[in-house]
């Protein structure tokens, strides 16, 4: 899935805050959006879906952080909890998409996301054929919709940026491996 789709899933995770702690909902939404994108920064930092993806270990921080946010709700506790929750869900959900190969529509990789506790890769499930697939962008649009109307203007602006970036990426996704090969020659 695209980073924008993971951010969108994070936004959906923040929806209960609109009822449970409306004054902290925007903070939780922004933290969830950031947590949804964070694991994909390993594209820049090392091996993708291994360096910052922790489908097992993020939960060790997310669960106590959620308890802390429930016991002592504040901007800080909510932000930390929803950031970690969104990063954890991102890391797990990568197993439901494609592998790590440059052309995931060819299905040549058996590596979707690295499970650090078992020191092995989880195989891709291809529920979303590949990052940037049309259905991936549709999922992004549907899941980001509440961000346009429910969390205030800052979240609304971030949502518009994510929709634009996700749409642009979807339009060029299948051309990127060829472009990368040309640039690296």
C-alpha atoms as a PDB file:
ATOM      1  CA  UNK A   1       0.000   0.000   0.000  1.00  0.00           C
ATOM      2  CA  UNK A   2       1.032   3.599  -0.546  1.00  0.00           C
ATOM      3  CA  UNK A   3       2.212   5.692   2.383  1.00  0.00           C
ATOM      4  CA  UNK A   4      -0.876   7.834   1.792  1.00  0.00           C
ATOM      5  CA  UNK A   5      -3.098   4.777   2.263  1.00  0.00           C
ATOM      6  CA  UNK A   6      -1.344   3.953   5.526  1.00  0.00           C
ATOM      7  CA  UNK A   7      -1.857   7.547   6.638  1.00  0.00           C
ATOM      8  CA  UNK A   8      -5.536   7.234   5.710  1.00  0.00           C
ATOM      9  CA  UNK A   9      -5.879   4.093   7.828  1.00  0.00           C
ATOM     10  CA  UNK A  10      -4.305   6.045  10.675  1.00  0.00           C
ATOM     11  CA  UNK A  11      -6.869   8.785  10.243  1.00  0.00           C
ATOM     12  CA  UNK A  12      -9.680   6.243  10.556  1.00  0.00           C
ATOM     13  CA  UNK A  13      -8.095   4.988  13.788  1.00  0.00           C
ATOM     14  CA  UNK A  14      -8.483   8.512  15.177  1.00  0.00           C
ATOM     15  CA  UNK A  15     -12.241   8.693  14.473  1.00  0.00           C
ATOM     16  CA  UNK A  16     -13.246   7.456  17.972  1.00  0.00           C
ATOM     17  CA  UNK A  17     -11.523  10.517  19.425  1.00  0.00           C
ATOM     18  CA  UNK A  18     -14.246  12.673  17.876  1.00  0.00           C
ATOM     19  CA  UNK A  19     -16.608  11.176  20.479  1.00  0.00           C
ATOM     20  CA  UNK A  20     -14.249  10.189  23.309  1.00  0.00           C
ATOM     21  CA  UNK A  21     -12.077  13.319  23.418  1.00  0.00           C
ATOM     22  CA  UNK A  22     -13.243  15.839  20.811  1.00  0.00           C
ATOM     23  CA  UNK A  23     -10.768  18.476  22.004  1.00  0.00           C
ATOM     24  CA  UNK A  24      -7.900  16.043  21.268  1.00  0.00           C
ATOM     25  CA  UNK A  25      -9.265  14.597  18.025  1.00  0.00           C
ATOM     26  CA  UNK A  26      -7.227  16.826  15.703  1.00  0.00           C
ATOM     27  CA  UNK A  27      -4.014  16.073  17.619  1.00  0.00           C
ATOM     28  CA  UNK A  28      -4.775  12.359  17.457  1.00  0.00           C
ATOM     29  CA  UNK A  29      -5.582  12.578  13.747  1.00  0.00           C
ATOM     30  CA  UNK A  30      -2.342  14.397  12.920  1.00  0.00           C
ATOM     31  CA  UNK A  31      -0.331  11.943  15.023  1.00  0.00           C
ATOM     32  CA  UNK A  32      -2.088   9.021  13.313  1.00  0.00           C
ATOM     33  CA  UNK A  33      -1.347  10.445   9.876  1.00  0.00           C
ATOM     34  CA  UNK A  34       2.319  10.831  10.836  1.00  0.00           C
ATOM     35  CA  UNK A  35       2.475   7.365  12.392  1.00  0.00           C
ATOM     36  CA  UNK A  36       0.940   5.914   9.258  1.00  0.00           C
ATOM     37  CA  UNK A  37       3.703   7.384   7.121  1.00  0.00           C
ATOM     38  CA  UNK A  38       6.633   6.926   9.519  1.00  0.00           C
ATOM     39  CA  UNK A  39       7.570   3.280   8.792  1.00  0.00           C
ATOM     40  CA  UNK A  40       7.947   4.087   5.085  1.00  0.00           C
ATOM     41  CA  UNK A  41      10.767   6.491   5.884  1.00  0.00           C
ATOM     42  CA  UNK A  42      12.928   3.371   5.794  1.00  0.00           C
ATOM     43  CA  UNK A  43      12.893   3.820   2.030  1.00  0.00           C
ATOM     44  CA  UNK A  44      15.472   6.509   2.788  1.00  0.00           C
ATOM     45  CA  UNK A  45      17.109   4.977   5.847  1.00  0.00           C
ATOM     46  CA  UNK A  46      17.808   1.378   4.878  1.00  0.00           C
ATOM     47  CA  UNK A  47      16.049  -1.735   3.708  1.00  0.00           C
ATOM     48  CA  UNK A  48      12.385  -1.014   3.000  1.00  0.00           C
ATOM     49  CA  UNK A  49       9.860  -2.820   5.165  1.00  0.00           C
ATOM     50  CA  UNK A  50      12.581  -3.950   7.536  1.00  0.00           C
ATOM     51  CA  UNK A  51      14.441  -0.979   9.020  1.00  0.00           C
ATOM     52  CA  UNK A  52      11.446   0.970  10.432  1.00  0.00           C
ATOM     53  CA  UNK A  53       8.690  -1.644  10.055  1.00  0.00           C
ATOM     54  CA  UNK A  54       7.977  -3.538  13.260  1.00  0.00           C
ATOM     55  CA  UNK A  55       4.741  -5.547  12.920  1.00  0.00           C
ATOM     56  CA  UNK A  56       5.471  -7.064  16.307  1.00  0.00           C
ATOM     57  CA  UNK A  57       7.361  -4.497  18.384  1.00  0.00           C
ATOM     58  CA  UNK A  58       5.352  -1.298  17.787  1.00  0.00           C
ATOM     59  CA  UNK A  59       2.549  -2.929  19.756  1.00  0.00           C
ATOM     60  CA  UNK A  60       4.799  -3.080  22.831  1.00  0.00           C
ATOM     61  CA  UNK A  61       4.722   0.709  22.866  1.00  0.00           C
ATOM     62  CA  UNK A  62       1.249   1.274  21.430  1.00  0.00           C
ATOM     63  CA  UNK A  63      -0.730  -0.699  24.012  1.00  0.00           C
ATOM     64  CA  UNK A  64       0.718   0.993  27.116  1.00  0.00           C
ATOM     65  CA  UNK A  65       0.561   4.363  25.350  1.00  0.00           C
ATOM     66  CA  UNK A  66      -3.143   3.826  24.639  1.00  0.00           C
ATOM     67  CA  UNK A  67      -3.700   2.944  28.303  1.00  0.00           C
ATOM     68  CA  UNK A  68      -1.825   6.091  29.341  1.00  0.00           C
ATOM     69  CA  UNK A  69      -3.966   8.182  26.970  1.00  0.00           C
ATOM     70  CA  UNK A  70      -7.128   6.650  28.432  1.00  0.00           C
ATOM     71  CA  UNK A  71      -6.012   7.258  32.043  1.00  0.00           C
ATOM     72  CA  UNK A  72      -4.472  10.710  31.543  1.00  0.00           C
ATOM     73  CA  UNK A  73      -5.679  12.168  28.250  1.00  0.00           C
ATOM     74  CA  UNK A  74      -3.562  15.056  27.037  1.00  0.00           C
ATOM     75  CA  UNK A  75      -2.205  16.231  23.714  1.00  0.00           C
ATOM     76  CA  UNK A  76       1.056  14.415  24.439  1.00  0.00           C
ATOM     77  CA  UNK A  77      -0.389  11.069  25.554  1.00  0.00           C
ATOM     78  CA  UNK A  78      -2.896  11.009  22.702  1.00  0.00           C
ATOM     79  CA  UNK A  79      -0.288  11.977  20.109  1.00  0.00           C
ATOM     80  CA  UNK A  80       2.163   9.296  21.243  1.00  0.00           C
ATOM     81  CA  UNK A  81      -0.530   6.623  21.503  1.00  0.00           C
ATOM     82  CA  UNK A  82      -2.088   7.269  18.107  1.00  0.00           C
ATOM     83  CA  UNK A  83       1.284   7.664  16.400  1.00  0.00           C
ATOM     84  CA  UNK A  84       2.432   4.263  17.690  1.00  0.00           C
ATOM     85  CA  UNK A  85      -0.937   2.632  16.977  1.00  0.00           C
ATOM     86  CA  UNK A  86      -0.884   3.866  13.399  1.00  0.00           C
ATOM     87  CA  UNK A  87       2.748   2.761  12.894  1.00  0.00           C
ATOM     88  CA  UNK A  88       1.884  -0.676  14.286  1.00  0.00           C
ATOM     89  CA  UNK A  89      -1.139  -1.082  12.023  1.00  0.00           C
ATOM     90  CA  UNK A  90       0.920   0.107   9.035  1.00  0.00           C
ATOM     91  CA  UNK A  91       3.601  -2.483   9.706  1.00  0.00           C
ATOM     92  CA  UNK A  92       1.100  -5.326  10.028  1.00  0.00           C
ATOM     93  CA  UNK A  93      -0.971  -4.259   7.029  1.00  0.00           C
ATOM     94  CA  UNK A  94       2.011  -4.338   4.668  1.00  0.00           C
ATOM     95  CA  UNK A  95       1.662  -8.124   4.709  1.00  0.00           C
ATOM     96  CA  UNK A  96      -1.722  -7.725   3.011  1.00  0.00           C
ATOM     97  CA  UNK A  97      -0.233  -5.938   0.028  1.00  0.00           C
ATOM     98  CA  UNK A  98       2.482  -6.790  -2.466  1.00  0.00           C
ATOM     99  CA  UNK A  99       6.127  -7.674  -1.975  1.00  0.00           C
ATOM    100  CA  UNK A 100       9.128  -5.401  -1.856  1.00  0.00           C
ATOM    101  CA  UNK A 101      10.217  -5.805  -5.485  1.00  0.00           C
ATOM    102  CA  UNK A 102      10.364  -2.768  -7.814  1.00  0.00           C
ATOM    103  CA  UNK A 103       7.577  -4.186 -10.005  1.00  0.00           C
ATOM    104  CA  UNK A 104       5.245  -5.795  -7.459  1.00  0.00           C
ATOM    105  CA  UNK A 105       2.585  -6.461 -10.116  1.00  0.00           C
ATOM    106  CA  UNK A 106       4.957  -9.195 -11.372  1.00  0.00           C
ATOM    107  CA  UNK A 107       4.763 -10.967  -7.975  1.00  0.00           C
ATOM    108  CA  UNK A 108       8.394 -12.041  -7.817  1.00  0.00           C
ATOM    109  CA  UNK A 109       9.070 -11.380  -4.122  1.00  0.00           C
ATOM    110  CA  UNK A 110       8.208 -13.520  -1.127  1.00  0.00           C
ATOM    111  CA  UNK A 111       8.994 -10.600   1.197  1.00  0.00           C
ATOM    112  CA  UNK A 112       6.198  -8.287   2.314  1.00  0.00           C
ATOM    113  CA  UNK A 113       7.388  -7.146   5.747  1.00  0.00           C
ATOM    114  CA  UNK A 114      10.099  -8.313   8.132  1.00  0.00           C
ATOM    115  CA  UNK A 115       9.008  -9.878  11.434  1.00  0.00           C
ATOM    116  CA  UNK A 116      11.890  -9.022  13.739  1.00  0.00           C
ATOM    117  CA  UNK A 117      10.875 -11.298  16.617  1.00  0.00           C
ATOM    118  CA  UNK A 118      11.042 -14.361  14.345  1.00  0.00           C
ATOM    119  CA  UNK A 119      13.897 -13.093  12.154  1.00  0.00           C
ATOM    120  CA  UNK A 120      12.000 -13.841   8.951  1.00  0.00           C
ATOM    121  CA  UNK A 121       9.959 -12.174   6.240  1.00  0.00           C
ATOM    122  CA  UNK A 122       6.167 -12.438   6.082  1.00  0.00           C
ATOM    123  CA  UNK A 123       4.942 -13.296   2.579  1.00  0.00           C
ATOM    124  CA  UNK A 124       2.744 -10.839   0.661  1.00  0.00           C
ATOM    125  CA  UNK A 125      -1.014 -11.537   0.411  1.00  0.00           C
ATOM    126  CA  UNK A 126      -1.790  -9.166  -2.535  1.00  0.00           C
ATOM    127  CA  UNK A 127      -5.146  -7.981  -1.169  1.00  0.00           C
ATOM    128  CA  UNK A 128      -3.977  -4.700  -2.632  1.00  0.00           C
ATOM    129  CA  UNK A 129      -2.140  -5.725  -5.818  1.00  0.00           C
ATOM    130  CA  UNK A 130       0.655  -3.194  -5.424  1.00  0.00           C
ATOM    131  CA  UNK A 131       1.343   0.223  -3.960  1.00  0.00           C
ATOM    132  CA  UNK A 132      -0.110   2.833  -6.278  1.00  0.00           C
ATOM    133  CA  UNK A 133      -2.647   0.478  -7.857  1.00  0.00           C
ATOM    134  CA  UNK A 134      -5.970   2.155  -8.694  1.00  0.00           C
ATOM    135  CA  UNK A 135      -7.724   0.267  -5.889  1.00  0.00           C
ATOM    136  CA  UNK A 136      -5.014   1.461  -3.496  1.00  0.00           C
ATOM    137  CA  UNK A 137      -5.801   5.075  -4.371  1.00  0.00           C
ATOM    138  CA  UNK A 138      -9.542   4.415  -4.088  1.00  0.00           C
ATOM    139  CA  UNK A 139      -8.932   3.072  -0.593  1.00  0.00           C
ATOM    140  CA  UNK A 140      -6.938   6.214   0.213  1.00  0.00           C
ATOM    141  CA  UNK A 141      -9.747   8.475  -0.999  1.00  0.00           C
ATOM    142  CA  UNK A 142     -12.432   6.611   0.948  1.00  0.00           C
ATOM    143  CA  UNK A 143     -10.454   6.466   4.182  1.00  0.00           C
ATOM    144  CA  UNK A 144      -9.271  10.083   4.025  1.00  0.00           C
ATOM    145  CA  UNK A 145     -12.779  11.486   3.420  1.00  0.00           C
ATOM    146  CA  UNK A 146     -13.441  12.140   7.147  1.00  0.00           C
ATOM    147  CA  UNK A 147     -10.280  14.231   7.246  1.00  0.00           C
ATOM    148  CA  UNK A 148     -11.871  16.770   4.949  1.00  0.00           C
ATOM    149  CA  UNK A 149     -14.823  17.444   7.233  1.00  0.00           C
ATOM    150  CA  UNK A 150     -14.415  16.129  10.780  1.00  0.00           C
ATOM    151  CA  UNK A 151     -11.108  17.192  12.280  1.00  0.00           C
ATOM    152  CA  UNK A 152     -10.759  20.876  11.461  1.00  0.00           C
ATOM    153  CA  UNK A 153      -8.859  22.933   8.895  1.00  0.00           C
ATOM    154  CA  UNK A 154      -5.305  21.741   9.615  1.00  0.00           C
ATOM    155  CA  UNK A 155      -6.191  18.079   9.191  1.00  0.00           C
ATOM    156  CA  UNK A 156      -8.279  19.054   6.158  1.00  0.00           C
ATOM    157  CA  UNK A 157      -5.275  20.690   4.484  1.00  0.00           C
ATOM    158  CA  UNK A 158      -3.028  17.710   5.235  1.00  0.00           C
ATOM    159  CA  UNK A 159      -5.734  15.434   3.826  1.00  0.00           C
ATOM    160  CA  UNK A 160      -5.821  17.411   0.576  1.00  0.00           C
ATOM    161  CA  UNK A 161      -2.041  17.136   0.259  1.00  0.00           C
ATOM    162  CA  UNK A 162      -2.190  13.377   0.828  1.00  0.00           C
ATOM    163  CA  UNK A 163      -4.972  12.983  -1.740  1.00  0.00           C
ATOM    164  CA  UNK A 164      -2.929  14.939  -4.280  1.00  0.00           C
ATOM    165  CA  UNK A 165       0.304  13.046  -3.614  1.00  0.00           C
ATOM    166  CA  UNK A 166      -1.478   9.684  -3.688  1.00  0.00           C
ATOM    167  CA  UNK A 167      -3.198  10.519  -6.956  1.00  0.00           C
ATOM    168  CA  UNK A 168       0.010  11.686  -8.597  1.00  0.00           C
ATOM    169  CA  UNK A 169       1.873   8.597  -7.411  1.00  0.00           C
ATOM    170  CA  UNK A 170      -0.872   6.344  -8.759  1.00  0.00           C
ATOM    171  CA  UNK A 171      -0.576   8.013 -12.171  1.00  0.00           C
ATOM    172  CA  UNK A 172       3.177   7.396 -12.446  1.00  0.00           C
ATOM    173  CA  UNK A 173       3.669   4.232 -10.357  1.00  0.00           C
ATOM    174  CA  UNK A 174       4.167   1.741 -13.175  1.00  0.00           C
ATOM    175  CA  UNK A 175       6.713   4.020 -14.863  1.00  0.00           C
ATOM    176  CA  UNK A 176       8.925   4.471 -11.796  1.00  0.00           C
ATOM    177  CA  UNK A 177      11.037   1.269 -12.072  1.00  0.00           C
ATOM    178  CA  UNK A 178      12.041   2.114 -15.649  1.00  0.00           C
ATOM    179  CA  UNK A 179      12.829   5.706 -14.691  1.00  0.00           C
ATOM    180  CA  UNK A 180      14.923   4.542 -11.742  1.00  0.00           C
ATOM    181  CA  UNK A 181      16.872   2.147 -13.976  1.00  0.00           C
ATOM    182  CA  UNK A 182      17.609   4.949 -16.442  1.00  0.00           C
ATOM    183  CA  UNK A 183      18.727   7.337 -13.719  1.00  0.00           C
ATOM    184  CA  UNK A 184      21.009   4.815 -12.041  1.00  0.00           C
ATOM    185  CA  UNK A 185      22.889   3.896 -15.240  1.00  0.00           C
END
